Protein backbone atom coordinates (compact mmCIF):
# COMPACT_ATOMS: atom_id res chain seq x y z
CA UNK A 1 16.09 14.95 2.37
CA UNK A 2 15.56 17.33 5.29
CA UNK A 3 15.31 15.89 8.79
CA UNK A 4 11.79 16.50 10.14
CA UNK A 5 11.44 16.78 13.92
CA UNK A 6 9.00 14.04 14.88
CA UNK A 7 8.62 12.32 18.24
CA UNK A 8 5.68 10.07 17.38
CA UNK A 9 6.35 6.57 16.03
CA UNK A 10 5.19 6.22 12.43
CA UNK A 11 4.35 3.16 10.35
CA UNK A 12 4.52 3.72 6.60
CA UNK A 13 2.35 1.14 4.82
CA UNK A 14 3.26 2.12 1.24
CA UNK A 15 6.86 2.39 0.06
CA UNK A 16 8.76 1.09 -2.96
CA UNK A 17 12.17 -0.38 -3.74
CA UNK A 18 13.83 -0.86 -7.11
CA UNK A 19 13.75 0.62 -10.59
CA UNK A 20 10.26 1.23 -11.96
CA UNK A 21 10.03 0.46 -15.67
CA UNK A 22 6.54 1.93 -16.04
CA UNK A 23 7.23 5.29 -14.39
CA UNK A 24 10.97 5.40 -15.17
CA UNK A 25 11.98 6.08 -11.59
CA UNK A 26 14.49 4.55 -9.19
CA UNK A 27 13.26 3.96 -5.62
CA UNK A 28 16.43 3.73 -3.56
CA UNK A 29 17.12 1.84 -0.35
CA UNK A 30 19.00 4.79 1.14
CA UNK A 31 15.86 6.95 1.15
CA UNK A 32 13.91 4.31 3.10
CA UNK A 33 16.70 3.94 5.65
CA UNK A 34 16.90 7.72 6.07
CA UNK A 35 13.30 7.91 7.28
CA UNK A 36 13.94 4.95 9.58
CA UNK A 37 17.00 6.54 11.16
CA UNK A 38 16.03 10.21 11.16
CA UNK A 39 12.24 10.60 11.02
CA UNK A 40 11.05 7.95 13.50
CA UNK A 41 9.45 5.76 10.84
CA UNK A 42 9.66 2.63 12.95
CA UNK A 43 8.20 0.21 10.40
CA UNK A 44 7.80 0.38 6.63
CA UNK A 45 5.94 -1.99 4.33
CA UNK A 46 7.94 -2.13 1.10
CA UNK A 47 6.64 -3.26 -2.27
CA UNK A 48 8.68 -3.63 -5.44
CA UNK A 49 8.68 -1.01 -8.13
CA UNK A 50 7.08 -2.19 -11.36
CA UNK A 51 9.54 -4.66 -12.87
CA UNK A 52 9.79 -5.76 -16.47
CA UNK A 53 7.03 -8.35 -17.19
CA UNK A 54 9.17 -11.45 -16.71
CA UNK A 55 8.79 -13.78 -13.76
CA UNK A 56 12.54 -13.92 -13.08
CA UNK A 57 12.59 -10.12 -12.80
CA UNK A 58 9.60 -10.08 -10.44
CA UNK A 59 11.26 -12.73 -8.25
CA UNK A 60 14.50 -10.75 -8.13
CA UNK A 61 12.64 -7.65 -6.97
CA UNK A 62 10.89 -9.67 -4.27
CA UNK A 63 14.21 -11.19 -3.19
CA UNK A 64 15.75 -7.71 -2.87
CA UNK A 65 12.95 -6.68 -0.52
CA UNK A 66 13.35 -9.88 1.49
CA UNK A 67 17.06 -9.10 1.88
CA UNK A 68 16.22 -5.61 3.17
CA UNK A 69 13.76 -7.11 5.66
CA UNK A 70 16.42 -9.51 6.93
CA UNK A 71 19.01 -6.75 7.23
CA UNK A 72 16.63 -4.52 9.20
CA UNK A 73 14.51 -7.15 10.89
CA UNK A 74 11.41 -5.72 12.50
CA UNK A 75 11.73 -2.42 10.63
CA UNK A 76 10.89 -3.44 7.06
CA UNK A 77 8.20 -5.83 5.83
CA UNK A 78 7.45 -7.00 2.31
CA UNK A 79 4.41 -6.55 0.10
CA UNK A 80 4.28 -8.70 -3.04
CA UNK A 81 3.48 -7.04 -6.36
CA UNK A 82 2.99 -9.07 -9.51
CA UNK A 83 0.89 -8.74 -12.64
CA UNK A 84 -2.33 -10.77 -12.39
CA UNK A 85 -1.88 -11.56 -16.09
CA UNK A 86 0.83 -14.13 -15.40
CA UNK A 87 -0.32 -17.73 -15.75
CA UNK A 88 -2.48 -18.57 -12.69
CA UNK A 89 -0.19 -21.38 -11.49
CA UNK A 90 2.89 -19.17 -11.77
CA UNK A 91 1.13 -16.31 -10.02
CA UNK A 92 -0.05 -18.54 -7.18
CA UNK A 93 3.41 -20.06 -6.74
CA UNK A 94 5.17 -16.70 -6.48
CA UNK A 95 2.57 -15.21 -4.15
CA UNK A 96 2.82 -18.30 -1.92
CA UNK A 97 6.61 -17.99 -1.94
CA UNK A 98 6.38 -14.35 -0.89
CA UNK A 99 3.86 -14.84 1.90
CA UNK A 100 4.84 -18.28 3.22
CA UNK A 101 8.60 -18.39 2.57
CA UNK A 102 9.77 -14.77 2.48
CA UNK A 103 7.40 -13.59 5.22
CA UNK A 104 5.67 -10.86 3.23
CA UNK A 105 2.49 -9.52 4.80
CA UNK A 106 0.40 -8.11 1.93
CA UNK A 107 -0.19 -8.07 -1.83
CA UNK A 108 -0.42 -5.12 -4.26
CA UNK A 109 -2.37 -4.56 -7.47
CA UNK A 110 -1.43 -1.54 -9.59
CA UNK A 111 -4.09 -1.24 -12.31
CA UNK A 112 -2.18 1.44 -14.24
CA UNK A 113 1.07 -0.55 -14.15
CA UNK A 114 -0.35 -4.05 -14.42
CA UNK A 115 -2.92 -3.06 -17.09
CA UNK A 116 -5.56 -4.83 -15.06
CA UNK A 117 -8.92 -3.79 -13.70
CA UNK A 118 -9.66 -5.16 -10.21
CA UNK A 119 -13.01 -6.37 -11.52
CA UNK A 120 -11.76 -8.29 -14.57
CA UNK A 121 -11.20 -12.05 -14.52
CA UNK A 122 -7.51 -11.84 -13.66
CA UNK A 123 -8.09 -9.06 -11.13
CA UNK A 124 -10.72 -11.14 -9.37
CA UNK A 125 -8.30 -14.07 -9.30
CA UNK A 126 -5.84 -11.89 -7.38
CA UNK A 127 -8.56 -11.26 -4.81
CA UNK A 128 -9.09 -15.00 -4.51
CA UNK A 129 -5.36 -15.43 -3.93
CA UNK A 130 -5.42 -12.77 -1.20
CA UNK A 131 -8.23 -14.69 0.44
CA UNK A 132 -6.35 -18.00 0.13
CA UNK A 133 -3.21 -16.52 1.65
CA UNK A 134 -5.11 -14.45 4.26
CA UNK A 135 -3.19 -11.36 3.13
CA UNK A 136 -4.46 -7.76 2.86
CA UNK A 137 -4.63 -6.51 -0.73
CA UNK A 138 -3.59 -2.95 -1.57
CA UNK A 139 -5.01 -1.54 -4.81
CA UNK A 140 -3.75 1.62 -6.49
CA UNK A 141 -6.53 4.09 -7.31
CA UNK A 142 -6.48 7.47 -9.01
CA UNK A 143 -4.19 7.88 -12.02
CA UNK A 144 -4.89 5.27 -14.68
CA UNK A 145 -8.59 5.55 -15.55
CA UNK A 146 -10.69 3.60 -16.14
CA UNK A 147 -9.02 0.66 -14.35
CA UNK A 148 -7.87 2.79 -11.38
CA UNK A 149 -11.30 4.30 -10.75
CA UNK A 150 -12.32 3.14 -7.24
CA UNK A 151 -15.69 2.00 -8.62
CA UNK A 152 -13.76 -0.88 -10.26
CA UNK A 153 -13.39 -2.26 -6.72
CA UNK A 154 -17.11 -2.65 -6.12
CA UNK A 155 -17.49 -6.08 -7.76
CA UNK A 156 -14.56 -7.72 -5.93
CA UNK A 157 -15.54 -6.04 -2.65
CA UNK A 158 -19.04 -7.45 -2.98
CA UNK A 159 -17.64 -10.94 -3.56
CA UNK A 160 -14.68 -10.92 -1.15
CA UNK A 161 -16.00 -9.31 2.01
CA UNK A 162 -13.41 -11.25 4.01
CA UNK A 163 -10.41 -9.76 2.17
CA UNK A 164 -8.97 -6.61 3.72
CA UNK A 165 -8.55 -4.03 0.95
CA UNK A 166 -6.36 -0.95 1.26
CA UNK A 167 -7.43 1.72 -1.23
CA UNK A 168 -4.10 3.29 -2.14
CA UNK A 169 -4.14 7.08 -2.65
CA UNK A 170 -7.87 7.09 -1.78
CA UNK A 171 -8.69 7.76 -5.42
CA UNK A 172 -6.38 10.79 -5.52
CA UNK A 173 -8.13 14.09 -6.19
CA UNK A 174 -9.45 12.73 -9.49
CA UNK A 175 -11.64 10.06 -7.85
CA UNK A 176 -11.77 11.20 -4.20
CA UNK A 177 -15.58 11.15 -4.11
CA UNK A 178 -15.75 7.64 -5.56
CA UNK A 179 -13.16 6.40 -3.07
CA UNK A 180 -15.09 7.77 -0.09
CA UNK A 181 -18.16 5.83 -1.17
CA UNK A 182 -16.28 2.57 -0.63
CA UNK A 183 -16.30 3.16 3.12
CA UNK A 184 -19.67 1.34 3.25
CA UNK A 185 -17.58 -1.86 3.04
CA UNK A 186 -16.22 -2.66 6.51
CA UNK A 187 -13.15 -4.41 5.09
CA UNK A 188 -11.88 -1.23 3.38
CA UNK A 189 -8.95 0.83 4.68
CA UNK A 190 -7.38 3.87 3.02
CA UNK A 191 -3.87 5.05 2.24
CA UNK A 192 -4.36 8.72 1.39
CA UNK A 193 -0.86 9.44 0.09
CA UNK A 194 -0.80 12.37 -2.37
CA UNK A 195 -4.42 13.26 -1.51
CA UNK A 196 -4.98 16.95 -0.71
CA UNK A 197 -5.70 18.18 2.80
CA UNK A 198 -9.38 19.06 2.27
CA UNK A 199 -10.13 15.71 0.62
CA UNK A 200 -8.20 13.92 3.38
CA UNK A 201 -10.33 15.59 6.03
CA UNK A 202 -13.48 14.61 4.13
CA UNK A 203 -12.21 11.03 3.96
CA UNK A 204 -11.57 10.90 7.70
CA UNK A 205 -15.09 12.21 8.34
CA UNK A 206 -16.63 9.64 6.00
CA UNK A 207 -14.63 6.53 6.88
CA UNK A 208 -13.46 7.29 10.40
CA UNK A 209 -9.90 7.88 11.55
CA UNK A 210 -9.53 4.22 12.50
CA UNK A 211 -9.51 3.22 8.80
CA UNK A 212 -6.80 5.60 7.57
CA UNK A 213 -3.19 4.37 7.28
CA UNK A 214 -0.16 6.62 7.03
CA UNK A 215 1.67 6.16 3.72
CA UNK A 216 4.24 8.03 1.67
CA UNK A 217 4.49 6.07 -1.63
CA UNK A 218 7.81 7.84 -2.11
CA UNK A 219 10.22 8.40 0.80
CA UNK A 220 10.67 12.05 -0.19
CA UNK A 221 6.94 12.54 0.34
CA UNK A 222 7.29 11.92 4.09
CA UNK A 223 7.36 15.57 5.30
CA UNK A 224 4.36 16.46 3.14
CA UNK A 225 2.22 13.60 4.42
CA UNK A 226 3.20 14.25 8.04
CA UNK A 227 2.41 17.96 7.74
CA UNK A 228 -0.93 17.15 6.09
CA UNK A 229 -2.10 14.93 8.92
CA UNK A 230 -0.83 17.30 11.58
CA UNK A 231 -2.92 19.99 9.90
CA UNK A 232 -6.21 18.12 9.45
CA UNK A 233 -6.38 15.71 12.39
CA UNK A 234 -8.53 16.32 15.45
CA UNK A 235 -8.18 14.99 19.00
CA UNK A 236 -6.75 11.47 19.05
CA UNK A 237 -6.85 10.98 15.29
CA UNK A 238 -3.18 11.63 14.62
CA UNK A 239 -1.86 8.79 16.77
CA UNK A 240 -4.32 6.36 15.20
CA UNK A 241 -3.35 7.30 11.66
CA UNK A 242 0.41 7.49 12.21
CA UNK A 243 0.76 4.05 13.78
CA UNK A 244 -2.09 2.55 15.80
CA UNK A 245 -4.27 1.53 12.85
CA UNK A 246 -1.38 -0.28 11.18
CA UNK A 247 -0.47 -1.92 14.48
CA UNK A 248 -3.99 -3.30 14.75
CA UNK A 249 -4.34 -4.32 11.10
CA UNK A 250 -0.95 -6.03 10.68
CA UNK A 251 -0.61 -7.23 14.29
CA UNK A 252 2.71 -5.42 14.71
CA UNK A 253 4.47 -4.92 18.01
CA UNK A 254 6.36 -1.71 18.72
């Protein structure tokens, strides 16, 4: 990975660790540490790659992230990711363990990987768990229609106005228009990783720069995302997107 000259502190709210059995890809610790040490990514929120659908595997992935957070305390933070189709008691127990015992700060739903619409019964239960644990919920949107269409978020957003929802990938180019329409909900933030520059500018205009969070999804995507925001941001927007919005949302200290 090439070192990118960057003097502004950056908070990456969407990164992965571990082997992903859905997308057949290995997200490596070394890549995350590289951006920390060379590209001024001062804090990264790390979620597990999609594990095999067994609770012991999910727990091991969460434990690996917790170990990384302990090793680089204050630089890495955990985001729990678990299929909502696990038994409700098991799901609640593991989410509670992640948030209350391991110190994780958010929860992730990946409709394409978890085979779960946000608006189905199990998806709605995950929203109720996010409310119970007072944790922001990130939801993948874009690839994986129909479950990953941002319109699938309307029903839970209507019901759980007090749950902060981060719309990951902002619908991607496939559903960029649908994702922008969700900005009518004040509890919605956006991670626009992999979204094109024109659609990203349209998203900033629609939602406001104070609701956009810098994210890479993959550590190698860092230079692309940084260049995109440097290209499309106007006065004062870049600092907000690179770090200030995440500082406010997650109550971080630099």
